[in-house]
Amino acid sequence: MRQLVLIVSLFAQPVLAQSDLPLLYTVTGVAQNDTLNVRESPDAGAPDMGDLQPQDTVEILRLSADGKWGRIETYDAVGWVSMRFMALTPNTTADGTDLPYGLPLHISCSGAAPFWDISITSGSEITIGRDGPTDWEVNSYPILGMSKTLFTSEYLYGFSSPPYTGVLKKEACFNDFTGLNSGWTLALVFQQGLDSRVLSGCCTATLN
């Protein structure tokens, strides 16, 4: 019976293409006293670059040619994990009926010159922190509108959160500050009176 349940669960996993990624995955099928190796290359014999704990959630950026390995880049480990032990994290996209094409519910972005970071809660608000005149400033603004591009070849999401407007795009992005790659870019425009600024940065999906 247990073997039948395993077979059914494997077939229940969606068939993903590279264009579907990045998506949040959770470590599964690993004992609580064990860890999942992050390998230097998509090979079980490759050097161990770090470990993930059971139930850790990470963003898979892309798949190996055979689809058996997924690329992750975090502060703790950069490398490849076996997709055999990764399960698509449920309820992390804005449109569950459109999974895995929906916008992640929670996205964290950052950029420099000056340094800033922003968290986006889909359909709700943005929280932005940046270097102010005297200190680090944090402000939150409600999202008044969000839309998805009608073009099927690209994943573009625009939002309005005065005094900010932004466009999220699903594409590879290298963060000079962290030295890590991510799967989303953000173009952010600030407009208030005569003060106008354009910011750009890299983003990753998060649980909250």
C-alpha atoms as a PDB file:
ATOM      1  CA  MET A   1       0.000   0.000   0.000  1.00  0.00           C
ATOM      2  CA  ARG A   2       2.817   2.380   0.917  1.00  0.00           C
ATOM      3  CA  GLN A   3       4.471   1.739  -2.468  1.00  0.00           C
ATOM      4  CA  LEU A   4       1.194   2.536  -4.254  1.00  0.00           C
ATOM      5  CA  VAL A   5       0.860   5.852  -2.383  1.00  0.00           C
ATOM      6  CA  LEU A   6       4.422   6.764  -3.382  1.00  0.00           C
ATOM      7  CA  ILE A   7       3.737   5.989  -7.049  1.00  0.00           C
ATOM      8  CA  VAL A   8       0.538   8.074  -7.002  1.00  0.00           C
ATOM      9  CA  SER A   9       2.330  11.013  -5.352  1.00  0.00           C
ATOM     10  CA  LEU A  10       5.080  10.919  -7.950  1.00  0.00           C
ATOM     11  CA  PHE A  11       2.590  11.044 -10.792  1.00  0.00           C
ATOM     12  CA  ALA A  12       0.748  13.884  -9.038  1.00  0.00           C
ATOM     13  CA  GLN A  13       3.799  16.143  -9.340  1.00  0.00           C
ATOM     14  CA  PRO A  14       3.402  18.671 -12.205  1.00  0.00           C
ATOM     15  CA  VAL A  15       5.642  18.275 -15.218  1.00  0.00           C
ATOM     16  CA  LEU A  16       7.770  21.401 -15.283  1.00  0.00           C
ATOM     17  CA  ALA A  17       9.650  23.156 -18.048  1.00  0.00           C
ATOM     18  CA  GLN A  18      12.602  25.488 -17.566  1.00  0.00           C
ATOM     19  CA  SER A  19      10.293  28.397 -18.372  1.00  0.00           C
ATOM     20  CA  ASP A  20       8.104  27.576 -15.343  1.00  0.00           C
ATOM     21  CA  LEU A  21      10.971  28.258 -12.966  1.00  0.00           C
ATOM     22  CA  PRO A  22      11.837  29.751 -10.542  1.00  0.00           C
ATOM     23  CA  LEU A  23       9.445  28.122  -8.076  1.00  0.00           C
ATOM     24  CA  LEU A  24       9.577  27.399  -4.359  1.00  0.00           C
ATOM     25  CA  TYR A  25      10.285  23.782  -3.392  1.00  0.00           C
ATOM     26  CA  THR A  26      10.431  22.090   0.000  1.00  0.00           C
ATOM     27  CA  VAL A  27      12.823  19.316   1.048  1.00  0.00           C
ATOM     28  CA  THR A  28      10.831  16.116   1.465  1.00  0.00           C
ATOM     29  CA  GLY A  29      11.539  12.409   1.953  1.00  0.00           C
ATOM     30  CA  VAL A  30      14.607  13.130   4.119  1.00  0.00           C
ATOM     31  CA  ALA A  31      14.737  11.768   7.680  1.00  0.00           C
ATOM     32  CA  GLN A  32      14.624  14.343  10.479  1.00  0.00           C
ATOM     33  CA  ASN A  33      18.121  13.345  11.596  1.00  0.00           C
ATOM     34  CA  ASP A  34      19.509  13.564   8.052  1.00  0.00           C
ATOM     35  CA  THR A  35      20.222  16.319   5.511  1.00  0.00           C
ATOM     36  CA  LEU A  36      20.020  16.773   1.749  1.00  0.00           C
ATOM     37  CA  ASN A  37      23.364  17.375   0.050  1.00  0.00           C
ATOM     38  CA  VAL A  38      23.853  20.366  -2.227  1.00  0.00           C
ATOM     39  CA  ARG A  39      26.254  19.192  -4.939  1.00  0.00           C
ATOM     40  CA  GLU A  40      28.752  21.235  -6.948  1.00  0.00           C
ATOM     41  CA  SER A  41      27.354  19.787 -10.184  1.00  0.00           C
ATOM     42  CA  PRO A  42      24.223  17.743 -11.036  1.00  0.00           C
ATOM     43  CA  ASP A  43      25.835  14.444 -10.107  1.00  0.00           C
ATOM     44  CA  ALA A  44      25.537  12.305  -6.965  1.00  0.00           C
ATOM     45  CA  GLY A  45      29.321  11.930  -6.900  1.00  0.00           C
ATOM     46  CA  ALA A  46      30.061  15.665  -7.105  1.00  0.00           C
ATOM     47  CA  PRO A  47      31.585  17.475  -4.092  1.00  0.00           C
ATOM     48  CA  ASP A  48      29.210  18.460  -1.294  1.00  0.00           C
ATOM     49  CA  MET A  49      28.764  22.270  -1.195  1.00  0.00           C
ATOM     50  CA  GLY A  50      26.393  22.361   1.776  1.00  0.00           C
ATOM     51  CA  ASP A  51      23.256  20.810   3.179  1.00  0.00           C
ATOM     52  CA  LEU A  52      19.533  21.469   3.391  1.00  0.00           C
ATOM     53  CA  GLN A  53      17.483  20.447   6.400  1.00  0.00           C
ATOM     54  CA  PRO A  54      14.209  18.491   6.174  1.00  0.00           C
ATOM     55  CA  GLN A  55      11.353  20.888   5.338  1.00  0.00           C
ATOM     56  CA  ASP A  56      13.725  23.659   4.212  1.00  0.00           C
ATOM     57  CA  THR A  57      12.161  25.733   1.439  1.00  0.00           C
ATOM     58  CA  VAL A  58      14.306  27.096  -1.396  1.00  0.00           C
ATOM     59  CA  GLU A  59      13.777  28.517  -4.848  1.00  0.00           C
ATOM     60  CA  ILE A  60      14.702  26.205  -7.713  1.00  0.00           C
ATOM     61  CA  LEU A  61      16.175  28.410 -10.442  1.00  0.00           C
ATOM     62  CA  ARG A  62      16.580  25.875 -13.229  1.00  0.00           C
ATOM     63  CA  LEU A  63      16.775  22.161 -13.950  1.00  0.00           C
ATOM     64  CA  SER A  64      19.582  19.981 -15.241  1.00  0.00           C
ATOM     65  CA  ALA A  65      19.288  18.654 -18.787  1.00  0.00           C
ATOM     66  CA  ASP A  66      17.695  15.411 -17.548  1.00  0.00           C
ATOM     67  CA  GLY A  67      15.404  17.218 -15.099  1.00  0.00           C
ATOM     68  CA  LYS A  68      16.688  15.213 -12.141  1.00  0.00           C
ATOM     69  CA  TRP A  69      18.576  18.062 -10.455  1.00  0.00           C
ATOM     70  CA  GLY A  70      17.630  21.609  -9.506  1.00  0.00           C
ATOM     71  CA  ARG A  71      19.884  24.636  -9.135  1.00  0.00           C
ATOM     72  CA  ILE A  72      19.700  26.652  -5.898  1.00  0.00           C
ATOM     73  CA  GLU A  73      21.634  29.738  -4.773  1.00  0.00           C
ATOM     74  CA  THR A  74      21.280  30.785  -1.138  1.00  0.00           C
ATOM     75  CA  TYR A  75      23.496  32.442   1.463  1.00  0.00           C
ATOM     76  CA  ASP A  76      24.207  28.983   2.911  1.00  0.00           C
ATOM     77  CA  ALA A  77      24.761  26.895  -0.216  1.00  0.00           C
ATOM     78  CA  VAL A  78      25.109  27.260  -3.980  1.00  0.00           C
ATOM     79  CA  GLY A  79      24.775  24.177  -6.150  1.00  0.00           C
ATOM     80  CA  TRP A  80      22.460  21.359  -7.224  1.00  0.00           C
ATOM     81  CA  VAL A  81      19.927  19.280  -5.284  1.00  0.00           C
ATOM     82  CA  SER A  82      18.237  16.042  -6.287  1.00  0.00           C
ATOM     83  CA  MET A  83      14.655  16.798  -7.380  1.00  0.00           C
ATOM     84  CA  ARG A  84      13.742  13.354  -6.056  1.00  0.00           C
ATOM     85  CA  PHE A  85      13.735  14.964  -2.602  1.00  0.00           C
ATOM     86  CA  MET A  86      12.060  18.250  -3.561  1.00  0.00           C
ATOM     87  CA  ALA A  87       8.305  18.895  -3.636  1.00  0.00           C
ATOM     88  CA  LEU A  88       6.593  21.960  -5.066  1.00  0.00           C
ATOM     89  CA  THR A  89       5.589  24.119  -2.097  1.00  0.00           C
ATOM     90  CA  PRO A  90       1.779  24.484  -2.080  1.00  0.00           C
ATOM     91  CA  ASN A  91      -0.091  27.771  -1.729  1.00  0.00           C
ATOM     92  CA  THR A  92       2.840  30.012  -2.608  1.00  0.00           C
ATOM     93  CA  THR A  93       1.498  31.550  -5.813  1.00  0.00           C
ATOM     94  CA  ALA A  94      -1.159  34.209  -6.178  1.00  0.00           C
ATOM     95  CA  ASP A  95      -3.251  32.099  -8.534  1.00  0.00           C
ATOM     96  CA  GLY A  96      -3.515  28.540  -7.286  1.00  0.00           C
ATOM     97  CA  THR A  97      -5.623  27.494 -10.264  1.00  0.00           C
ATOM     98  CA  ASP A  98      -2.839  28.655 -12.570  1.00  0.00           C
ATOM     99  CA  LEU A  99       0.013  26.935 -10.760  1.00  0.00           C
ATOM    100  CA  PRO A 100       2.892  27.046 -11.531  1.00  0.00           C
ATOM    101  CA  TYR A 101       2.346  30.197 -13.602  1.00  0.00           C
ATOM    102  CA  GLY A 102       1.144  32.516 -10.841  1.00  0.00           C
ATOM    103  CA  LEU A 103       3.101  35.301  -9.194  1.00  0.00           C
ATOM    104  CA  PRO A 104       4.695  34.221  -5.879  1.00  0.00           C
ATOM    105  CA  LEU A 105       2.718  35.500  -2.910  1.00  0.00           C
ATOM    106  CA  HIS A 106       5.844  36.827  -1.222  1.00  0.00           C
ATOM    107  CA  ILE A 107       8.854  38.266  -3.025  1.00  0.00           C
ATOM    108  CA  SER A 108      11.995  39.854  -1.607  1.00  0.00           C
ATOM    109  CA  CYS A 109      14.075  42.211  -3.776  1.00  0.00           C
ATOM    110  CA  SER A 110      17.213  44.273  -3.261  1.00  0.00           C
ATOM    111  CA  GLY A 111      19.473  46.665  -5.130  1.00  0.00           C
ATOM    112  CA  ALA A 112      22.170  49.243  -4.623  1.00  0.00           C
ATOM    113  CA  ALA A 113      23.147  52.885  -5.319  1.00  0.00           C
ATOM    114  CA  PRO A 114      21.760  53.587  -2.754  1.00  0.00           C
ATOM    115  CA  PHE A 115      21.165  50.219  -1.083  1.00  0.00           C
ATOM    116  CA  TRP A 116      17.491  49.315  -0.738  1.00  0.00           C
ATOM    117  CA  ASP A 117      15.313  46.274  -0.230  1.00  0.00           C
ATOM    118  CA  ILE A 118      11.644  45.615  -0.729  1.00  0.00           C
ATOM    119  CA  SER A 119       9.198  42.879   0.146  1.00  0.00           C
ATOM    120  CA  ILE A 120       6.087  42.458  -1.967  1.00  0.00           C
ATOM    121  CA  THR A 121       2.970  40.752  -0.694  1.00  0.00           C
ATOM    122  CA  SER A 122       0.907  40.050  -3.797  1.00  0.00           C
ATOM    123  CA  GLY A 123      -2.323  42.014  -3.944  1.00  0.00           C
ATOM    124  CA  SER A 124      -1.693  43.588  -0.546  1.00  0.00           C
ATOM    125  CA  GLU A 125       1.295  45.841   0.109  1.00  0.00           C
ATOM    126  CA  ILE A 126       4.954  46.570  -0.420  1.00  0.00           C
ATOM    127  CA  THR A 127       7.405  47.261   2.383  1.00  0.00           C
ATOM    128  CA  ILE A 128      10.521  49.119   1.317  1.00  0.00           C
ATOM    129  CA  GLY A 129      13.648  49.930   3.273  1.00  0.00           C
ATOM    130  CA  ARG A 130      16.365  52.251   1.985  1.00  0.00           C
ATOM    131  CA  ASP A 131      19.194  54.539   3.018  1.00  0.00           C
ATOM    132  CA  GLY A 132      17.605  57.828   4.074  1.00  0.00           C
ATOM    133  CA  PRO A 133      19.190  61.195   4.865  1.00  0.00           C
ATOM    134  CA  THR A 134      20.121  60.124   8.392  1.00  0.00           C
ATOM    135  CA  ASP A 135      19.293  56.447   8.806  1.00  0.00           C
ATOM    136  CA  TRP A 136      17.655  53.353   7.367  1.00  0.00           C
ATOM    137  CA  GLU A 137      14.029  54.135   6.547  1.00  0.00           C
ATOM    138  CA  VAL A 138      11.239  51.560   6.327  1.00  0.00           C
ATOM    139  CA  ASN A 139       7.812  52.349   4.891  1.00  0.00           C
ATOM    140  CA  SER A 140       4.827  50.305   3.741  1.00  0.00           C
ATOM    141  CA  TYR A 141       2.357  51.164   0.997  1.00  0.00           C
ATOM    142  CA  PRO A 142      -0.814  49.350  -0.128  1.00  0.00           C
ATOM    143  CA  ILE A 143      -0.870  47.857  -3.617  1.00  0.00           C
ATOM    144  CA  LEU A 144      -3.745  49.551  -5.435  1.00  0.00           C
ATOM    145  CA  GLY A 145      -3.552  47.447  -8.566  1.00  0.00           C
ATOM    146  CA  MET A 146      -1.635  44.549 -10.095  1.00  0.00           C
ATOM    147  CA  SER A 147      -1.840  43.023 -13.548  1.00  0.00           C
ATOM    148  CA  LYS A 148      -0.189  40.258 -15.569  1.00  0.00           C
ATOM    149  CA  THR A 149       0.941  40.660 -19.156  1.00  0.00           C
ATOM    150  CA  LEU A 150      -1.292  39.158 -21.803  1.00  0.00           C
ATOM    151  CA  PHE A 151       1.728  37.941 -23.769  1.00  0.00           C
ATOM    152  CA  THR A 152       2.204  34.229 -23.141  1.00  0.00           C
ATOM    153  CA  SER A 153       5.905  34.283 -24.037  1.00  0.00           C
ATOM    154  CA  GLU A 154       6.848  36.448 -21.056  1.00  0.00           C
ATOM    155  CA  TYR A 155       6.017  36.614 -17.364  1.00  0.00           C
ATOM    156  CA  LEU A 156       5.543  40.296 -16.538  1.00  0.00           C
ATOM    157  CA  TYR A 157       3.615  41.664 -13.580  1.00  0.00           C
ATOM    158  CA  GLY A 158       2.968  45.367 -13.118  1.00  0.00           C
ATOM    159  CA  PHE A 159       1.779  46.960  -9.877  1.00  0.00           C
ATOM    160  CA  SER A 160       0.816  50.382  -8.582  1.00  0.00           C
ATOM    161  CA  SER A 161       1.638  51.324  -4.999  1.00  0.00           C
ATOM    162  CA  PRO A 162       1.953  55.150  -4.891  1.00  0.00           C
ATOM    163  CA  PRO A 163       4.439  56.738  -4.743  1.00  0.00           C
ATOM    164  CA  TYR A 164       5.912  53.590  -6.334  1.00  0.00           C
ATOM    165  CA  THR A 165       5.081  51.699  -9.496  1.00  0.00           C
ATOM    166  CA  GLY A 166       6.941  48.589 -10.531  1.00  0.00           C
ATOM    167  CA  VAL A 167       7.332  45.801 -13.035  1.00  0.00           C
ATOM    168  CA  LEU A 168       8.371  42.287 -12.002  1.00  0.00           C
ATOM    169  CA  LYS A 169       9.781  40.018 -14.669  1.00  0.00           C
ATOM    170  CA  LYS A 170      10.664  36.358 -14.491  1.00  0.00           C
ATOM    171  CA  GLU A 171      14.255  36.303 -15.783  1.00  0.00           C
ATOM    172  CA  ALA A 172      17.765  35.534 -14.535  1.00  0.00           C
ATOM    173  CA  CYS A 173      19.317  38.283 -12.425  1.00  0.00           C
ATOM    174  CA  PHE A 174      22.758  38.538 -10.789  1.00  0.00           C
ATOM    175  CA  ASN A 175      22.922  40.512  -7.541  1.00  0.00           C
ATOM    176  CA  ASP A 176      26.274  42.306  -7.310  1.00  0.00           C
ATOM    177  CA  PHE A 177      25.797  42.877  -3.581  1.00  0.00           C
ATOM    178  CA  THR A 178      25.103  39.247  -2.574  1.00  0.00           C
ATOM    179  CA  GLY A 179      26.989  37.547  -5.407  1.00  0.00           C
ATOM    180  CA  LEU A 180      23.982  35.282  -5.988  1.00  0.00           C
ATOM    181  CA  ASN A 181      21.741  34.651  -8.960  1.00  0.00           C
ATOM    182  CA  SER A 182      17.979  34.841  -8.684  1.00  0.00           C
ATOM    183  CA  GLY A 183      15.050  34.289 -10.998  1.00  0.00           C
ATOM    184  CA  TRP A 184      13.234  37.644 -10.976  1.00  0.00           C
ATOM    185  CA  THR A 185      14.033  41.272 -11.815  1.00  0.00           C
ATOM    186  CA  LEU A 186      12.290  44.388 -10.537  1.00  0.00           C
ATOM    187  CA  ALA A 187      12.136  47.825 -12.139  1.00  0.00           C
ATOM    188  CA  LEU A 188      10.811  50.287  -9.560  1.00  0.00           C
ATOM    189  CA  VAL A 189       9.876  53.925 -10.173  1.00  0.00           C
ATOM    190  CA  PHE A 190       9.448  56.449  -7.347  1.00  0.00           C
ATOM    191  CA  GLN A 191       7.502  59.595  -8.210  1.00  0.00           C
ATOM    192  CA  GLN A 192       6.488  62.232  -5.670  1.00  0.00           C
ATOM    193  CA  GLY A 193       6.255  65.857  -6.735  1.00  0.00           C
ATOM    194  CA  LEU A 194       9.498  66.803  -8.448  1.00  0.00           C
ATOM    195  CA  ASP A 195      11.366  63.881  -6.858  1.00  0.00           C
ATOM    196  CA  SER A 196      11.683  61.021  -9.345  1.00  0.00           C
ATOM    197  CA  ARG A 197      13.924  57.956  -9.154  1.00  0.00           C
ATOM    198  CA  VAL A 198      14.295  54.656 -10.999  1.00  0.00           C
ATOM    199  CA  LEU A 199      15.584  51.602  -9.114  1.00  0.00           C
ATOM    200  CA  SER A 200      16.388  48.135 -10.421  1.00  0.00           C
ATOM    201  CA  GLY A 201      17.214  44.978  -8.542  1.00  0.00           C
ATOM    202  CA  CYS A 202      16.986  41.200  -8.220  1.00  0.00           C
ATOM    203  CA  CYS A 203      14.236  39.266  -6.476  1.00  0.00           C
ATOM    204  CA  THR A 204      13.563  35.855  -5.021  1.00  0.00           C
ATOM    205  CA  ALA A 205      10.361  34.177  -3.850  1.00  0.00           C
ATOM    206  CA  THR A 206      10.011  33.601  -0.108  1.00  0.00           C
ATOM    207  CA  LEU A 207       7.469  32.044   2.230  1.00  0.00           C
ATOM    208  CA  ASN A 208       6.770  35.347   4.003  1.00  0.00           C
END
